[in-house]
């Protein structure tokens, strides 16, 4: 049996609310020459049962279940299992646009110097309502400069497709960079090839209270600073003074503050429905915070 063109790598942990929609979006791709490798990373909810039901119906799905060892290790395990020329990342709570794989395969086929390609993403809330679109830049120079400046997500990891040989060449995910493994990976890939983003939305990325970026902001910042210092040193560049003196002062990273930020993003994008839900959530998290009331007032008003 010939190897598939694409291996989809999807770690899953307690995603019972979203996993069916994620898998359906993969199975509905216009490009069908793929295998879907899923590691259930010790879920305690119904994720595994849902995954088993899909694996029983589609032989492209390769399912592994084991005790929890973490997101980064799961990706490396799936990298070792992959047969495809290209690797598509996907998380269990996101949704692929139907032509994502076709567009990214076409891009990598047309640009042999590109080692990873992403695209714009649409941030959505728990219910799937739009918050805002996110995109940093399309060219290698824009993306790499953003990463060196500490802007995470210049390529969104769960929206990316990689050359498998490039991922193997850089050693996959460095597990010690957990919480900032995406920016670390792309900085290392940029040292052996080019990065690129497609201009159109390729993924709906779900933001919810359990998201890593919503719960571990300070720890994430500390690891990112270490990753950036490593990158400057590898490239023989002087570490910027502001980075050398960087601290983990990321401001208010409470759940209420995160929900307020998301509400403002939605409001600025005129996605009023999501803005109102997020503002109510922020108020429930921090009812005595004046900013929460102001955010709700603006969301109810619609501007």
Protein backbone atom coordinates (compact mmCIF):
# COMPACT_ATOMS: atom_id res chain seq x y z
CA UNK A 1 0.00 0.00 0.00
CA UNK A 2 1.57 3.35 -1.04
CA UNK A 3 2.32 5.95 1.61
CA UNK A 4 -0.12 8.85 1.85
CA UNK A 5 0.96 12.31 0.77
CA UNK A 6 -0.07 13.87 4.08
CA UNK A 7 0.06 12.62 7.66
CA UNK A 8 -2.23 14.58 9.97
CA UNK A 9 -0.93 14.76 13.54
CA UNK A 10 -3.63 15.38 16.15
CA UNK A 11 -3.04 15.06 19.90
CA UNK A 12 -6.26 14.93 21.92
CA UNK A 13 -6.86 15.54 25.61
CA UNK A 14 -10.36 15.94 27.08
CA UNK A 15 -11.89 17.39 23.92
CA UNK A 16 -15.23 15.55 23.96
CA UNK A 17 -17.18 18.73 23.24
CA UNK A 18 -15.24 19.54 20.08
CA UNK A 19 -13.51 16.42 18.76
CA UNK A 20 -16.31 15.26 16.42
CA UNK A 21 -16.35 18.61 14.60
CA UNK A 22 -12.55 18.56 14.33
CA UNK A 23 -12.48 15.07 12.80
CA UNK A 24 -15.41 15.78 10.48
CA UNK A 25 -13.55 18.81 9.11
CA UNK A 26 -10.55 16.59 8.30
CA UNK A 27 -12.59 13.82 6.71
CA UNK A 28 -14.39 16.44 4.58
CA UNK A 29 -11.16 17.76 3.01
CA UNK A 30 -11.17 18.12 -0.77
CA UNK A 31 -7.69 16.52 -0.69
CA UNK A 32 -8.19 12.95 0.49
CA UNK A 33 -4.73 11.33 0.23
CA UNK A 34 -3.94 11.48 3.95
CA UNK A 35 -3.68 9.42 7.10
CA UNK A 36 -4.97 10.83 10.39
CA UNK A 37 -2.78 9.88 13.35
CA UNK A 38 -4.47 10.56 16.69
CA UNK A 39 -2.99 10.10 20.14
CA UNK A 40 -5.53 10.24 22.94
CA UNK A 41 -3.27 11.60 25.67
CA UNK A 42 -4.99 10.03 28.66
CA UNK A 43 -8.37 11.76 28.32
CA UNK A 44 -10.71 11.28 31.28
CA UNK A 45 -13.86 12.29 29.37
CA UNK A 46 -15.57 10.63 26.38
CA UNK A 47 -12.93 11.69 23.83
CA UNK A 48 -11.54 8.17 23.39
CA UNK A 49 -14.98 6.64 22.82
CA UNK A 50 -15.73 9.23 20.14
CA UNK A 51 -12.34 8.65 18.51
CA UNK A 52 -12.88 4.88 18.47
CA UNK A 53 -16.20 5.30 16.70
CA UNK A 54 -14.54 7.28 13.91
CA UNK A 55 -11.54 4.92 13.65
CA UNK A 56 -13.93 1.99 13.19
CA UNK A 57 -15.51 3.69 10.19
CA UNK A 58 -12.45 5.08 8.35
CA UNK A 59 -9.23 3.12 7.90
CA UNK A 60 -7.25 6.31 7.32
CA UNK A 61 -7.47 6.95 11.07
CA UNK A 62 -4.67 5.48 13.21
CA UNK A 63 -5.61 5.78 16.87
CA UNK A 64 -3.31 5.35 19.86
CA UNK A 65 -4.46 5.66 23.46
CA UNK A 66 -2.14 5.83 26.45
CA UNK A 67 -1.50 7.59 29.74
CA UNK A 68 -1.00 11.34 29.67
CA UNK A 69 2.54 12.45 28.81
CA UNK A 70 1.83 15.86 27.34
CA UNK A 71 1.20 17.62 24.05
CA UNK A 72 4.84 17.96 22.94
CA UNK A 73 5.73 14.32 23.45
CA UNK A 74 2.57 13.24 21.65
CA UNK A 75 3.55 15.26 18.58
CA UNK A 76 7.01 13.69 18.54
CA UNK A 77 5.51 10.22 18.85
CA UNK A 78 3.21 10.90 15.91
CA UNK A 79 6.13 12.31 13.91
CA UNK A 80 7.88 8.95 14.35
CA UNK A 81 4.74 7.12 13.20
CA UNK A 82 4.06 9.31 10.16
CA UNK A 83 4.37 7.94 6.63
CA UNK A 84 3.45 11.06 4.67
CA UNK A 85 5.77 13.35 2.74
CA UNK A 86 4.01 16.26 4.42
CA UNK A 87 2.74 16.68 7.98
CA UNK A 88 -0.41 18.64 8.79
CA UNK A 89 -0.95 19.71 12.40
CA UNK A 90 -4.37 19.82 13.92
CA UNK A 91 -5.77 20.12 17.43
CA UNK A 92 -8.86 18.38 18.72
CA UNK A 93 -10.84 21.57 19.27
CA UNK A 94 -10.22 23.33 15.94
CA UNK A 95 -11.88 23.15 12.52
CA UNK A 96 -10.14 22.89 9.12
CA UNK A 97 -11.47 24.80 6.15
CA UNK A 98 -12.44 22.26 3.43
CA UNK A 99 -9.64 23.13 1.00
CA UNK A 100 -6.87 23.59 3.56
CA UNK A 101 -4.87 20.46 2.72
CA UNK A 102 -5.17 20.94 -1.05
CA UNK A 103 -3.96 24.54 -0.85
CA UNK A 104 -1.04 23.72 1.43
CA UNK A 105 0.04 20.67 -0.59
CA UNK A 106 -0.06 22.78 -3.76
CA UNK A 107 2.06 25.44 -2.06
CA UNK A 108 4.73 22.99 -0.87
CA UNK A 109 4.82 21.30 -4.27
CA UNK A 110 5.31 24.66 -5.97
CA UNK A 111 7.92 25.99 -3.52
CA UNK A 112 10.58 23.35 -2.73
CA UNK A 113 12.48 25.81 -0.52
CA UNK A 114 9.47 26.23 1.82
CA UNK A 115 9.63 23.89 4.82
CA UNK A 116 6.36 24.96 6.47
CA UNK A 117 3.25 26.76 5.30
CA UNK A 118 0.43 28.13 7.41
CA UNK A 119 -2.34 30.57 6.66
CA UNK A 120 -4.70 33.04 8.21
CA UNK A 121 -6.86 31.71 11.04
CA UNK A 122 -10.32 32.63 12.24
CA UNK A 123 -10.50 32.71 16.01
CA UNK A 124 -13.82 31.34 17.26
CA UNK A 125 -15.41 31.01 20.69
CA UNK A 126 -16.58 27.85 22.47
CA UNK A 127 -19.77 27.77 20.41
CA UNK A 128 -18.02 28.33 17.08
CA UNK A 129 -18.98 32.00 16.71
CA UNK A 130 -16.36 34.21 15.06
CA UNK A 131 -14.16 36.39 17.27
CA UNK A 132 -11.71 37.80 14.70
CA UNK A 133 -9.32 36.84 11.94
CA UNK A 134 -5.62 36.62 12.79
CA UNK A 135 -2.70 36.92 10.38
CA UNK A 136 0.79 38.37 10.86
CA UNK A 137 2.42 38.17 7.43
CA UNK A 138 2.81 35.93 4.40
CA UNK A 139 6.54 36.06 3.57
CA UNK A 140 9.42 34.26 5.25
CA UNK A 141 11.01 37.57 6.21
CA UNK A 142 7.85 38.87 7.88
CA UNK A 143 7.21 35.63 9.75
CA UNK A 144 10.76 35.10 10.98
CA UNK A 145 11.12 38.74 12.06
CA UNK A 146 7.89 38.47 14.03
CA UNK A 147 9.09 35.31 15.77
CA UNK A 148 12.45 36.90 16.62
CA UNK A 149 10.51 39.81 18.11
CA UNK A 150 8.59 37.36 20.29
CA UNK A 151 5.30 37.47 18.38
CA UNK A 152 3.93 33.97 18.75
CA UNK A 153 1.61 32.59 16.11
CA UNK A 154 3.19 34.30 13.11
CA UNK A 155 2.49 30.84 11.75
CA UNK A 156 -0.29 29.21 13.75
CA UNK A 157 0.98 25.74 14.70
CA UNK A 158 -2.35 23.87 14.36
CA UNK A 159 -2.83 25.51 10.95
CA UNK A 160 0.59 24.53 9.58
CA UNK A 161 1.77 21.89 7.12
CA UNK A 162 5.43 20.82 7.21
CA UNK A 163 7.86 18.82 5.15
CA UNK A 164 8.45 15.66 7.16
CA UNK A 165 12.16 15.59 6.28
CA UNK A 166 12.54 19.15 7.60
CA UNK A 167 10.81 18.27 10.87
CA UNK A 168 13.12 15.29 11.28
CA UNK A 169 16.16 17.40 10.38
CA UNK A 170 15.52 19.81 13.26
CA UNK A 171 14.68 16.99 15.68
CA UNK A 172 10.95 17.63 15.99
CA UNK A 173 9.58 19.35 19.08
CA UNK A 174 11.98 20.16 21.91
CA UNK A 175 9.94 18.97 24.87
CA UNK A 176 11.80 21.26 27.26
CA UNK A 177 10.25 24.23 25.41
CA UNK A 178 6.70 23.16 26.34
CA UNK A 179 4.32 26.15 26.29
CA UNK A 180 6.51 27.88 23.66
CA UNK A 181 7.26 24.86 21.48
CA UNK A 182 5.58 26.41 18.45
CA UNK A 183 7.75 29.54 18.22
CA UNK A 184 10.84 27.46 19.04
CA UNK A 185 10.05 25.00 16.24
CA UNK A 186 9.47 27.70 13.64
CA UNK A 187 12.64 29.57 14.61
CA UNK A 188 14.65 26.37 14.09
CA UNK A 189 12.88 25.53 10.82
CA UNK A 190 13.60 29.04 9.54
CA UNK A 191 17.30 28.24 9.89
CA UNK A 192 17.10 25.41 7.31
CA UNK A 193 14.42 26.68 4.91
CA UNK A 194 11.66 29.19 4.33
CA UNK A 195 8.33 29.75 6.05
CA UNK A 196 5.19 30.97 4.35
CA UNK A 197 1.57 31.81 5.08
CA UNK A 198 -1.33 31.55 2.67
CA UNK A 199 -3.44 34.74 2.60
CA UNK A 200 -6.80 33.07 3.19
CA UNK A 201 -8.24 31.44 6.29
CA UNK A 202 -7.26 27.76 6.54
CA UNK A 203 -8.40 27.03 10.10
CA UNK A 204 -10.95 28.03 12.70
CA UNK A 205 -8.99 28.17 15.95
CA UNK A 206 -11.12 27.80 19.06
CA UNK A 207 -10.37 30.04 22.03
CA UNK A 208 -11.83 28.82 25.30
CA UNK A 209 -10.97 29.04 29.02
CA UNK A 210 -9.01 25.76 28.99
CA UNK A 211 -6.70 26.92 26.17
CA UNK A 212 -3.03 26.94 27.15
CA UNK A 213 -2.65 30.60 26.25
CA UNK A 214 -5.57 31.42 28.53
CA UNK A 215 -4.33 29.51 31.59
CA UNK A 216 -0.53 29.61 31.62
CA UNK A 217 0.38 33.04 30.29
CA UNK A 218 3.22 33.76 32.72
CA UNK A 219 4.87 30.36 32.36
CA UNK A 220 4.51 30.63 28.60
CA UNK A 221 6.24 34.02 28.60
CA UNK A 222 9.17 32.74 30.65
CA UNK A 223 9.78 29.80 28.32
CA UNK A 224 9.44 32.04 25.26
CA UNK A 225 12.15 34.38 26.55
CA UNK A 226 14.48 31.39 26.94
CA UNK A 227 13.61 30.16 23.44
CA UNK A 228 14.33 33.58 21.92
CA UNK A 229 17.70 33.83 23.65
CA UNK A 230 18.59 30.40 22.26
CA UNK A 231 17.64 31.51 18.74
CA UNK A 232 19.73 34.68 18.88
CA UNK A 233 22.71 32.73 20.15
CA UNK A 234 22.35 29.99 17.48
CA UNK A 235 22.31 32.65 14.78
CA UNK A 236 25.27 34.53 16.20
CA UNK A 237 23.17 37.62 16.86
CA UNK A 238 23.47 39.97 19.80
CA UNK A 239 20.66 39.42 22.28
CA UNK A 240 18.61 42.65 22.39
CA UNK A 241 18.92 44.51 25.67
CA UNK A 242 15.18 44.45 26.23
CA UNK A 243 15.17 40.67 25.84
CA UNK A 244 18.20 40.16 28.07
CA UNK A 245 16.39 42.09 30.79
CA UNK A 246 13.00 40.55 30.10
CA UNK A 247 10.86 39.46 33.01
CA UNK A 248 7.60 37.59 33.19
CA UNK A 249 5.61 40.80 33.68
CA UNK A 250 2.73 40.04 31.35
CA UNK A 251 0.22 42.22 33.13
CA UNK A 252 -3.15 40.90 34.29
CA UNK A 253 -3.39 37.30 33.10
CA UNK A 254 -6.46 36.41 35.15
CA UNK A 255 -9.34 34.55 33.46
CA UNK A 256 -11.45 37.70 33.58
CA UNK A 257 -8.77 39.77 31.84
CA UNK A 258 -8.37 37.13 29.14
CA UNK A 259 -12.12 37.05 28.50
CA UNK A 260 -12.22 40.86 28.33
CA UNK A 261 -9.41 40.88 25.77
CA UNK A 262 -11.23 38.33 23.61
CA UNK A 263 -14.46 40.34 23.91
CA UNK A 264 -12.70 43.49 22.67
CA UNK A 265 -11.18 41.57 19.77
CA UNK A 266 -14.65 40.37 18.78
CA UNK A 267 -16.15 43.83 19.17
CA UNK A 268 -13.41 45.44 17.04
CA UNK A 269 -14.16 42.86 14.32
CA UNK A 270 -17.90 43.64 14.64
CA UNK A 271 -18.61 40.10 15.83
CA UNK A 272 -21.10 41.31 18.41
CA UNK A 273 -22.60 37.95 19.35
CA UNK A 274 -19.25 36.54 20.48
CA UNK A 275 -18.33 39.85 22.12
CA UNK A 276 -21.45 39.78 24.30
CA UNK A 277 -20.91 36.18 25.41
CA UNK A 278 -17.26 36.83 26.22
CA UNK A 279 -18.07 40.04 28.08
CA UNK A 280 -20.64 38.23 30.23
CA UNK A 281 -18.06 35.55 30.94
CA UNK A 282 -15.50 38.18 31.93
CA UNK A 283 -18.00 39.78 34.29
CA UNK A 284 -18.74 36.44 35.94
CA UNK A 285 -15.01 35.90 36.42
CA UNK A 286 -14.37 39.35 37.90
CA UNK A 287 -17.65 41.03 38.89
CA UNK A 288 -15.96 43.75 40.93
CA UNK A 289 -13.68 44.83 38.10
CA UNK A 290 -14.75 48.12 36.52
CA UNK A 291 -13.25 47.11 33.17
CA UNK A 292 -15.51 44.07 33.05
CA UNK A 293 -18.59 46.26 33.38
CA UNK A 294 -17.30 48.68 30.75
CA UNK A 295 -16.59 45.80 28.37
CA UNK A 296 -20.10 44.43 28.85
CA UNK A 297 -21.67 47.87 28.32
CA UNK A 298 -19.84 48.31 25.02
CA UNK A 299 -20.65 44.75 23.93
CA UNK A 300 -24.37 45.16 24.67
CA UNK A 301 -24.31 48.50 22.85
CA UNK A 302 -22.47 46.87 19.95
CA UNK A 303 -19.56 49.31 19.74
